N, C-alpha and C. Protein backbone atom coordinates (compact mmCIF):
# COMPACT_ATOMS: atom_id res chain seq x y z
N ASP A 1 6.62 10.80 11.31
CA ASP A 1 6.18 10.62 9.95
C ASP A 1 6.88 11.61 9.03
N GLU A 2 7.04 12.85 9.46
CA GLU A 2 7.70 13.85 8.65
C GLU A 2 9.18 13.54 8.45
N GLU A 3 9.76 12.75 9.32
CA GLU A 3 11.17 12.41 9.22
C GLU A 3 11.39 11.15 8.38
N GLY A 4 10.33 10.59 7.84
CA GLY A 4 10.46 9.43 6.98
C GLY A 4 10.48 8.09 7.69
N ALA A 5 10.00 8.03 8.90
CA ALA A 5 9.97 6.76 9.64
C ALA A 5 9.00 5.79 8.97
N THR A 6 9.36 4.53 8.96
CA THR A 6 8.52 3.49 8.38
C THR A 6 7.72 2.77 9.46
N TYR A 7 8.32 2.65 10.64
CA TYR A 7 7.68 1.91 11.73
C TYR A 7 7.65 2.77 13.00
N PHE A 8 6.60 2.54 13.79
CA PHE A 8 6.47 3.21 15.08
C PHE A 8 6.15 2.13 16.11
N PHE A 9 7.03 1.93 17.07
CA PHE A 9 6.81 0.95 18.13
C PHE A 9 5.95 1.57 19.22
N ALA A 10 4.85 0.90 19.55
CA ALA A 10 3.94 1.41 20.58
C ALA A 10 3.73 0.35 21.65
N PRO A 11 3.88 0.73 22.92
CA PRO A 11 3.64 -0.23 24.01
C PRO A 11 2.21 -0.77 23.95
N ASP A 12 2.08 -2.07 24.09
CA ASP A 12 0.77 -2.72 24.03
C ASP A 12 0.52 -3.50 25.31
N ASP A 13 0.68 -2.82 26.42
CA ASP A 13 0.46 -3.46 27.72
C ASP A 13 -1.03 -3.65 27.97
N GLU A 14 -1.34 -4.73 28.66
CA GLU A 14 -2.73 -4.97 29.06
C GLU A 14 -3.10 -4.02 30.18
N ILE A 15 -4.30 -3.51 30.11
CA ILE A 15 -4.78 -2.59 31.14
C ILE A 15 -5.53 -3.40 32.18
N PRO A 16 -5.15 -3.29 33.45
CA PRO A 16 -5.82 -4.07 34.51
C PRO A 16 -7.31 -3.75 34.60
N ALA A 17 -8.09 -4.75 34.97
CA ALA A 17 -9.55 -4.62 35.06
C ALA A 17 -9.97 -3.47 35.96
N GLU A 18 -9.29 -3.29 37.09
CA GLU A 18 -9.69 -2.22 38.00
C GLU A 18 -9.50 -0.83 37.36
N ILE A 19 -8.55 -0.71 36.47
CA ILE A 19 -8.33 0.56 35.76
C ILE A 19 -9.43 0.78 34.72
N THR A 20 -9.75 -0.27 33.97
CA THR A 20 -10.80 -0.12 32.95
C THR A 20 -12.17 0.12 33.59
N GLU A 21 -12.37 -0.40 34.79
CA GLU A 21 -13.62 -0.13 35.49
C GLU A 21 -13.71 1.33 35.91
N GLU A 22 -12.60 1.86 36.37
CA GLU A 22 -12.58 3.25 36.82
C GLU A 22 -12.56 4.23 35.63
N PHE A 23 -11.90 3.83 34.54
CA PHE A 23 -11.79 4.66 33.34
C PHE A 23 -12.23 3.84 32.13
N PRO A 24 -13.54 3.74 31.90
CA PRO A 24 -14.07 2.85 30.86
C PRO A 24 -13.55 3.10 29.44
N GLY A 25 -13.20 4.31 29.11
CA GLY A 25 -12.75 4.61 27.75
C GLY A 25 -11.25 4.50 27.54
N ILE A 26 -10.54 4.05 28.56
CA ILE A 26 -9.07 4.01 28.46
C ILE A 26 -8.63 2.99 27.40
N GLN A 27 -7.56 3.35 26.70
CA GLN A 27 -7.00 2.47 25.67
C GLN A 27 -5.52 2.26 25.94
N SER A 28 -4.99 1.21 25.35
CA SER A 28 -3.55 0.99 25.44
C SER A 28 -2.85 2.03 24.58
N ASN A 29 -1.56 2.23 24.84
CA ASN A 29 -0.79 3.15 24.01
C ASN A 29 -0.83 2.72 22.54
N TYR A 30 -0.79 1.41 22.31
CA TYR A 30 -0.85 0.90 20.94
C TYR A 30 -2.16 1.30 20.27
N ALA A 31 -3.29 1.10 20.95
CA ALA A 31 -4.59 1.46 20.36
C ALA A 31 -4.66 2.96 20.07
N GLU A 32 -4.13 3.77 20.97
CA GLU A 32 -4.10 5.22 20.75
C GLU A 32 -3.21 5.57 19.57
N ALA A 33 -2.08 4.89 19.43
CA ALA A 33 -1.16 5.17 18.33
C ALA A 33 -1.78 4.79 16.99
N VAL A 34 -2.49 3.67 16.94
CA VAL A 34 -3.17 3.26 15.70
C VAL A 34 -4.21 4.31 15.32
N GLU A 35 -4.96 4.77 16.28
CA GLU A 35 -5.98 5.79 16.05
C GLU A 35 -5.34 7.09 15.55
N ALA A 36 -4.25 7.50 16.18
CA ALA A 36 -3.54 8.73 15.78
C ALA A 36 -2.97 8.58 14.37
N ALA A 37 -2.45 7.41 14.04
CA ALA A 37 -1.90 7.18 12.70
C ALA A 37 -2.98 7.33 11.64
N LYS A 38 -4.17 6.82 11.93
CA LYS A 38 -5.29 6.98 10.99
C LYS A 38 -5.67 8.44 10.87
N ASP A 39 -5.72 9.15 12.00
CA ASP A 39 -6.10 10.56 12.00
C ASP A 39 -5.17 11.43 11.17
N ILE A 40 -3.86 11.14 11.22
CA ILE A 40 -2.91 11.97 10.47
C ILE A 40 -2.63 11.42 9.07
N GLY A 41 -3.18 10.27 8.76
CA GLY A 41 -3.02 9.70 7.43
C GLY A 41 -1.60 9.26 7.12
N THR A 42 -0.93 8.72 8.09
CA THR A 42 0.46 8.29 7.90
C THR A 42 0.54 6.93 7.22
N ASP A 43 1.67 6.70 6.58
CA ASP A 43 1.96 5.39 6.00
C ASP A 43 2.77 4.52 6.96
N MET A 44 3.16 5.11 8.11
CA MET A 44 3.92 4.35 9.09
C MET A 44 3.11 3.15 9.59
N GLU A 45 3.81 2.07 9.82
CA GLU A 45 3.18 0.90 10.42
C GLU A 45 3.36 0.99 11.93
N VAL A 46 2.27 0.94 12.66
CA VAL A 46 2.33 0.96 14.12
C VAL A 46 2.51 -0.49 14.57
N VAL A 47 3.60 -0.74 15.28
CA VAL A 47 3.95 -2.10 15.69
C VAL A 47 3.74 -2.25 17.19
N PRO A 48 2.87 -3.18 17.60
CA PRO A 48 2.66 -3.38 19.04
C PRO A 48 3.82 -4.13 19.68
N VAL A 49 4.31 -3.62 20.79
CA VAL A 49 5.38 -4.30 21.52
C VAL A 49 5.08 -4.29 23.01
N LYS A 50 5.40 -5.38 23.66
CA LYS A 50 5.27 -5.47 25.11
C LYS A 50 6.63 -5.42 25.78
N THR A 51 7.67 -5.81 25.02
CA THR A 51 9.03 -5.83 25.56
C THR A 51 10.01 -5.32 24.51
N PHE A 52 11.21 -4.98 24.96
CA PHE A 52 12.27 -4.60 24.05
C PHE A 52 12.56 -5.75 23.09
N GLU A 53 12.48 -6.96 23.60
CA GLU A 53 12.71 -8.16 22.79
C GLU A 53 11.70 -8.24 21.64
N ASP A 54 10.44 -7.85 21.89
CA ASP A 54 9.43 -7.82 20.82
C ASP A 54 9.88 -6.90 19.68
N ALA A 55 10.42 -5.75 20.03
CA ALA A 55 10.88 -4.81 19.01
C ALA A 55 12.05 -5.41 18.22
N LEU A 56 12.99 -6.03 18.92
CA LEU A 56 14.12 -6.66 18.24
C LEU A 56 13.66 -7.80 17.34
N ASP A 57 12.72 -8.60 17.82
CA ASP A 57 12.20 -9.71 17.00
C ASP A 57 11.56 -9.18 15.73
N PHE A 58 10.80 -8.10 15.85
CA PHE A 58 10.17 -7.50 14.67
C PHE A 58 11.24 -7.03 13.68
N LEU A 59 12.22 -6.30 14.18
CA LEU A 59 13.28 -5.80 13.30
C LEU A 59 14.03 -6.94 12.63
N ASN A 60 14.29 -8.00 13.37
CA ASN A 60 15.00 -9.15 12.80
C ASN A 60 14.15 -9.90 11.77
N SER A 61 12.84 -9.74 11.83
CA SER A 61 11.97 -10.43 10.88
C SER A 61 11.87 -9.72 9.54
N LEU A 62 12.33 -8.48 9.49
CA LEU A 62 12.25 -7.73 8.24
C LEU A 62 13.24 -8.29 7.24
N GLU A 63 12.78 -8.40 6.00
CA GLU A 63 13.67 -8.86 4.95
C GLU A 63 14.38 -7.65 4.37
N VAL A 64 15.69 -7.74 4.30
CA VAL A 64 16.47 -6.65 3.74
C VAL A 64 17.15 -7.17 2.47
N GLU A 65 16.91 -6.47 1.38
CA GLU A 65 17.48 -6.87 0.11
C GLU A 65 18.90 -6.31 0.03
N THR A 66 19.89 -7.20 0.10
CA THR A 66 21.28 -6.73 0.13
C THR A 66 22.12 -7.28 -1.01
N SER A 67 21.50 -7.91 -1.99
CA SER A 67 22.29 -8.48 -3.07
C SER A 67 22.92 -7.39 -3.92
N ALA A 68 24.01 -7.71 -4.58
CA ALA A 68 24.69 -6.75 -5.44
C ALA A 68 23.77 -6.29 -6.56
N ALA A 69 22.96 -7.19 -7.09
CA ALA A 69 22.05 -6.83 -8.17
C ALA A 69 21.02 -5.82 -7.70
N ALA A 70 20.49 -6.02 -6.50
CA ALA A 70 19.50 -5.08 -5.97
C ALA A 70 20.15 -3.72 -5.73
N PHE A 71 21.39 -3.73 -5.24
CA PHE A 71 22.09 -2.48 -4.98
C PHE A 71 22.36 -1.74 -6.29
N SER A 72 22.86 -2.45 -7.28
CA SER A 72 23.18 -1.80 -8.55
C SER A 72 21.91 -1.29 -9.23
N HIS A 73 20.81 -2.02 -9.10
CA HIS A 73 19.53 -1.56 -9.66
C HIS A 73 19.10 -0.26 -8.99
N THR A 74 19.26 -0.16 -7.69
CA THR A 74 18.89 1.06 -6.96
C THR A 74 19.75 2.23 -7.41
N ILE A 75 21.05 2.02 -7.52
CA ILE A 75 21.96 3.08 -7.96
C ILE A 75 21.61 3.49 -9.39
N PHE A 76 21.36 2.53 -10.27
CA PHE A 76 21.02 2.81 -11.65
C PHE A 76 19.78 3.70 -11.74
N ASN A 77 18.79 3.43 -10.91
CA ASN A 77 17.55 4.21 -10.93
C ASN A 77 17.75 5.63 -10.38
N MET A 78 18.84 5.86 -9.68
CA MET A 78 19.11 7.19 -9.13
C MET A 78 19.80 8.10 -10.14
N ILE A 79 20.39 7.51 -11.19
CA ILE A 79 21.11 8.29 -12.19
C ILE A 79 20.11 8.82 -13.22
N PRO A 80 20.14 10.13 -13.50
CA PRO A 80 19.23 10.68 -14.51
C PRO A 80 19.43 9.96 -15.86
N GLN A 81 18.35 9.58 -16.48
CA GLN A 81 18.39 8.80 -17.71
C GLN A 81 19.15 9.51 -18.83
N GLU A 82 19.11 10.84 -18.88
CA GLU A 82 19.82 11.56 -19.94
C GLU A 82 21.34 11.41 -19.82
N LEU A 83 21.84 11.08 -18.64
CA LEU A 83 23.26 10.85 -18.48
C LEU A 83 23.67 9.46 -18.93
N ILE A 84 22.73 8.56 -18.99
CA ILE A 84 23.01 7.17 -19.36
C ILE A 84 22.97 6.99 -20.87
N ALA A 85 22.05 7.65 -21.52
CA ALA A 85 21.83 7.45 -22.98
C ALA A 85 22.95 7.97 -23.83
């Protein structure tokens, strides 16, 4: 979070019944990560993944604004207004 990450991939494997019987309070890594994110008040989105492919699918689903207009608007907003006027 301090490094500016937007997403955190957390394994969301199913816990076998025999494990949950022996350790009733056990949670998946994903559930623990969601809880930790709330505790630290992060804006990062915790993304559940079961496979590497799940992570790639998530990344590929993100919309990235790459138009020249969007780029020029971003650059324009970075220039101090007193230099433009």
